[in-house]
């Protein structure tokens, strides 16, 4: 990788400002391949050099990708005067890295939400032309039927004129008291799952995204928690 200035490399982690990096270097607390750095302008290959800051190895990521298990009550935005956003669930060092949500989940929708600072791939994942699958677990009022499945598979034009591409509705449980299902879309229009099911007379009572492309929500990730994507997960996303 191309060499970069030390202050840029270290500041990109979000843990320190460039001014703080200069002070750390002055105190001899930044080592490059075991040798104390001489100045903030010194250059290194962030992927090849062994950089330690205050005795801890520096973990460098060219781009940051985070999997968040979104809880209800948070807006999928970087800032919003109406309430808390998903960035409020992250520590300060991550909030300083310029992360933004990849697509959106409604305020009351839970589950898989990706956050990144890599604009190109993020755009590809939500672009209607790419048709990246988005799978949801849903609970509704009323009994889902095979007729509902056929309506989803055929594509719908909603009463308000919205044209929805063919989608998949897989019934998990169905009775008069309520039903559970998986819904898979290849687009992501505003409130689409809720609007399609409402058209069928089955209002949504709970909605959770469980998959986006090749990436499934980690079952070990508690609601409201996050983790970084693995290298394999990131590479697989690029193939979607």
Protein backbone atom coordinates (compact mmCIF):
# COMPACT_ATOMS: atom_id res chain seq x y z
CA UNK A 1 0.00 0.00 0.00
CA UNK A 2 1.13 3.60 -0.58
CA UNK A 3 2.97 5.13 2.35
CA UNK A 4 1.10 7.69 4.45
CA UNK A 5 1.99 10.20 7.14
CA UNK A 6 1.95 8.78 10.66
CA UNK A 7 -0.46 11.40 11.97
CA UNK A 8 -2.94 10.50 9.21
CA UNK A 9 -2.61 6.75 9.85
CA UNK A 10 -3.09 7.00 13.61
CA UNK A 11 -5.83 9.64 13.46
CA UNK A 12 -7.79 7.44 11.01
CA UNK A 13 -8.54 5.01 13.85
CA UNK A 14 -10.63 7.71 15.51
CA UNK A 15 -8.83 7.30 18.83
CA UNK A 16 -6.62 10.37 18.57
CA UNK A 17 -6.66 13.74 16.85
CA UNK A 18 -3.66 14.76 14.75
CA UNK A 19 -2.63 17.20 17.47
CA UNK A 20 -2.68 14.38 20.03
CA UNK A 21 -0.60 12.19 17.69
CA UNK A 22 2.09 14.86 17.55
CA UNK A 23 2.21 14.93 21.35
CA UNK A 24 2.41 11.14 21.57
CA UNK A 25 5.31 11.13 19.13
CA UNK A 26 7.06 13.88 21.09
CA UNK A 27 6.79 11.68 24.20
CA UNK A 28 8.22 8.66 22.37
CA UNK A 29 4.95 6.72 22.65
CA UNK A 30 4.70 5.86 18.94
CA UNK A 31 6.94 3.11 17.57
CA UNK A 32 7.30 2.05 13.94
CA UNK A 33 8.84 -1.41 13.57
CA UNK A 34 10.18 -1.05 17.11
CA UNK A 35 11.82 2.34 16.53
CA UNK A 36 10.45 5.55 18.08
CA UNK A 37 8.88 7.80 15.46
CA UNK A 38 10.69 11.08 14.90
CA UNK A 39 7.85 13.27 13.63
CA UNK A 40 4.19 13.24 12.61
CA UNK A 41 5.27 13.76 9.00
CA UNK A 42 7.21 10.49 8.97
CA UNK A 43 5.71 8.05 6.46
CA UNK A 44 4.94 4.34 6.72
CA UNK A 45 2.94 1.66 4.97
CA UNK A 46 -0.03 1.20 7.35
CA UNK A 47 -0.63 -2.37 6.18
CA UNK A 48 2.99 -3.53 6.34
CA UNK A 49 4.60 -1.58 9.20
CA UNK A 50 4.21 -2.64 12.85
CA UNK A 51 2.97 0.51 14.56
CA UNK A 52 2.38 0.67 18.30
CA UNK A 53 0.79 3.55 20.19
CA UNK A 54 1.27 3.73 23.96
CA UNK A 55 2.42 0.11 23.86
CA UNK A 56 -0.63 -1.19 21.98
CA UNK A 57 -0.51 -2.46 18.37
CA UNK A 58 -2.32 -0.16 15.96
CA UNK A 59 -5.19 -1.87 14.12
CA UNK A 60 -5.41 -0.14 10.75
CA UNK A 61 -8.43 -0.50 8.48
CA UNK A 62 -8.46 1.17 5.10
CA UNK A 63 -12.24 1.18 5.39
CA UNK A 64 -14.32 0.43 8.44
CA UNK A 65 -17.31 -1.92 8.22
CA UNK A 66 -19.49 -2.50 11.25
CA UNK A 67 -22.39 -4.90 11.77
CA UNK A 68 -24.94 -3.43 14.17
CA UNK A 69 -27.87 -5.31 15.68
CA UNK A 70 -30.19 -2.33 15.63
CA UNK A 71 -32.77 -2.01 18.42
CA UNK A 72 -36.08 -0.22 18.02
CA UNK A 73 -36.16 3.48 18.80
CA UNK A 74 -33.07 4.57 16.85
CA UNK A 75 -33.04 6.46 13.56
CA UNK A 76 -30.89 5.19 10.67
CA UNK A 77 -29.10 8.50 10.18
CA UNK A 78 -25.83 10.20 11.07
CA UNK A 79 -27.64 13.03 12.84
CA UNK A 80 -31.26 13.94 13.37
CA UNK A 81 -32.93 16.49 15.62
CA UNK A 82 -35.89 14.17 16.20
CA UNK A 83 -34.10 11.64 18.40
CA UNK A 84 -31.22 9.22 18.92
CA UNK A 85 -29.49 7.79 15.86
CA UNK A 86 -27.71 4.48 15.36
CA UNK A 87 -24.36 6.29 15.67
CA UNK A 88 -25.22 6.95 19.31
CA UNK A 89 -24.77 3.20 19.87
CA UNK A 90 -21.10 3.38 18.85
CA UNK A 91 -18.08 4.49 20.93
CA UNK A 92 -16.59 7.94 20.26
CA UNK A 93 -13.60 6.62 18.31
CA UNK A 94 -15.92 5.02 15.76
CA UNK A 95 -18.22 8.04 15.54
CA UNK A 96 -15.18 10.09 14.54
CA UNK A 97 -14.47 7.85 11.52
CA UNK A 98 -17.27 9.23 9.37
CA UNK A 99 -19.43 6.11 9.42
CA UNK A 100 -22.91 6.17 7.90
CA UNK A 101 -25.71 3.58 7.59
CA UNK A 102 -25.84 1.42 4.45
CA UNK A 103 -29.49 1.90 3.58
CA UNK A 104 -32.10 2.48 6.25
CA UNK A 105 -34.25 0.66 8.74
CA UNK A 106 -37.39 2.26 10.11
CA UNK A 107 -37.16 3.60 13.65
CA UNK A 108 -39.20 0.68 15.01
CA UNK A 109 -37.50 -1.98 12.84
CA UNK A 110 -34.74 -4.05 14.40
CA UNK A 111 -31.88 -6.23 13.19
CA UNK A 112 -29.03 -6.09 10.70
CA UNK A 113 -27.70 -2.67 9.82
CA UNK A 114 -24.30 -2.06 8.25
CA UNK A 115 -22.30 1.09 8.88
CA UNK A 116 -19.22 2.07 6.91
CA UNK A 117 -17.09 4.89 5.55
CA UNK A 118 -16.60 3.16 2.16
CA UNK A 119 -18.98 5.02 -0.12
CA UNK A 120 -18.55 3.02 -3.33
CA UNK A 121 -19.46 -0.41 -1.99
CA UNK A 122 -22.19 1.02 0.22
CA UNK A 123 -23.82 2.59 -2.84
CA UNK A 124 -23.62 -0.69 -4.75
CA UNK A 125 -25.32 -2.63 -1.95
CA UNK A 126 -28.38 -0.36 -1.92
CA UNK A 127 -28.53 0.42 -5.64
CA UNK A 128 -31.78 -0.90 -7.22
CA UNK A 129 -29.74 -2.00 -10.25
CA UNK A 130 -27.72 -4.48 -8.16
CA UNK A 131 -30.80 -6.31 -6.78
CA UNK A 132 -29.07 -7.28 -3.51
CA UNK A 133 -31.41 -9.48 -1.44
CA UNK A 134 -32.68 -8.11 1.85
CA UNK A 135 -34.36 -10.69 4.07
CA UNK A 136 -36.68 -9.91 6.99
CA UNK A 137 -38.39 -11.81 9.77
CA UNK A 138 -41.91 -10.47 10.20
CA UNK A 139 -44.91 -10.98 12.46
CA UNK A 140 -48.34 -9.86 11.29
CA UNK A 141 -51.95 -9.80 12.37
CA UNK A 142 -54.15 -12.43 10.74
CA UNK A 143 -53.48 -15.66 8.84
CA UNK A 144 -51.02 -15.57 5.96
CA UNK A 145 -52.01 -17.74 3.00
CA UNK A 146 -50.61 -19.15 -0.22
CA UNK A 147 -52.55 -16.42 -1.99
CA UNK A 148 -50.38 -13.86 -0.18
CA UNK A 149 -47.25 -15.73 -1.31
CA UNK A 150 -48.42 -15.66 -4.93
CA UNK A 151 -49.18 -11.94 -4.71
CA UNK A 152 -45.63 -11.26 -3.49
CA UNK A 153 -44.10 -13.49 -6.17
CA UNK A 154 -46.06 -11.76 -8.95
CA UNK A 155 -45.08 -8.26 -7.90
CA UNK A 156 -47.55 -5.68 -6.62
CA UNK A 157 -48.87 -2.28 -7.48
CA UNK A 158 -50.01 -0.78 -4.20
CA UNK A 159 -53.11 1.35 -3.79
CA UNK A 160 -50.94 4.48 -3.62
CA UNK A 161 -49.36 3.62 -7.00
CA UNK A 162 -46.05 2.18 -5.76
CA UNK A 163 -44.87 -0.59 -8.08
CA UNK A 164 -43.07 -3.39 -6.20
CA UNK A 165 -40.89 -5.95 -7.93
CA UNK A 166 -41.51 -9.67 -7.33
CA UNK A 167 -40.56 -10.69 -3.80
CA UNK A 168 -40.57 -13.87 -1.74
CA UNK A 169 -42.92 -14.53 1.17
CA UNK A 170 -42.13 -17.72 3.12
CA UNK A 171 -44.74 -18.56 5.77
CA UNK A 172 -43.27 -19.90 9.02
CA UNK A 173 -46.47 -20.05 11.08
CA UNK A 174 -50.03 -19.05 10.26
CA UNK A 175 -53.19 -18.94 12.34
CA UNK A 176 -56.05 -16.56 12.96
CA UNK A 177 -54.28 -14.95 15.92
CA UNK A 178 -51.26 -13.97 13.86
CA UNK A 179 -48.57 -15.25 11.52
CA UNK A 180 -44.78 -15.30 11.14
CA UNK A 181 -42.85 -15.24 7.88
CA UNK A 182 -39.64 -14.41 6.08
CA UNK A 183 -39.82 -11.74 3.38
CA UNK A 184 -37.04 -11.31 0.81
CA UNK A 185 -36.89 -8.15 -1.30
CA UNK A 186 -34.52 -7.16 -4.08
CA UNK A 187 -35.21 -3.47 -3.63
CA UNK A 188 -35.77 -1.27 -0.60
CA UNK A 189 -38.51 1.28 -1.01
CA UNK A 190 -39.93 3.32 1.85
CA UNK A 191 -41.78 1.06 4.38
CA UNK A 192 -42.03 -1.52 1.60
CA UNK A 193 -42.51 -4.69 3.67
CA UNK A 194 -45.14 -3.03 5.83
CA UNK A 195 -46.97 -1.56 2.84
CA UNK A 196 -47.03 -4.81 0.88
CA UNK A 197 -48.40 -6.77 3.82
CA UNK A 198 -50.91 -4.05 4.68
CA UNK A 199 -52.16 -4.30 1.09
CA UNK A 200 -52.89 -7.97 1.80
CA UNK A 201 -54.78 -7.02 4.96
CA UNK A 202 -52.03 -8.31 7.30
CA UNK A 203 -50.64 -5.37 9.31
CA UNK A 204 -47.07 -5.82 10.56
CA UNK A 205 -46.60 -6.02 14.32
CA UNK A 206 -42.84 -6.72 14.33
CA UNK A 207 -40.08 -6.45 11.72
CA UNK A 208 -36.43 -7.49 11.85
CA UNK A 209 -33.85 -7.57 9.05
CA UNK A 210 -31.84 -10.78 9.23
CA UNK A 211 -29.83 -10.77 6.00
CA UNK A 212 -28.36 -8.41 3.42
CA UNK A 213 -26.80 -10.08 0.40
CA UNK A 214 -24.42 -12.78 1.65
CA UNK A 215 -24.29 -11.34 5.16
CA UNK A 216 -26.55 -12.69 7.91
CA UNK A 217 -27.14 -11.08 11.28
CA UNK A 218 -24.77 -12.70 13.77
CA UNK A 219 -27.00 -14.65 16.22
CA UNK A 220 -24.40 -14.11 18.95
CA UNK A 221 -24.63 -10.31 18.63
CA UNK A 222 -26.94 -8.85 21.32
CA UNK A 223 -29.51 -6.22 20.40
CA UNK A 224 -27.86 -2.80 20.44
CA UNK A 225 -24.35 -4.26 20.10
CA UNK A 226 -21.94 -4.14 17.15
CA UNK A 227 -18.85 -5.86 15.79
CA UNK A 228 -16.46 -5.34 12.89
CA UNK A 229 -16.97 -7.42 9.77
CA UNK A 230 -14.42 -10.15 9.20
CA UNK A 231 -12.21 -10.02 6.13
CA UNK A 232 -14.16 -12.92 4.59
CA UNK A 233 -17.51 -11.19 5.21
CA UNK A 234 -16.22 -7.97 3.64
CA UNK A 235 -14.84 -9.81 0.59
CA UNK A 236 -18.11 -11.73 0.16
CA UNK A 237 -20.08 -8.47 0.22
CA UNK A 238 -18.02 -7.19 -2.67
CA UNK A 239 -19.16 -10.18 -4.74
CA UNK A 240 -22.88 -9.46 -4.27
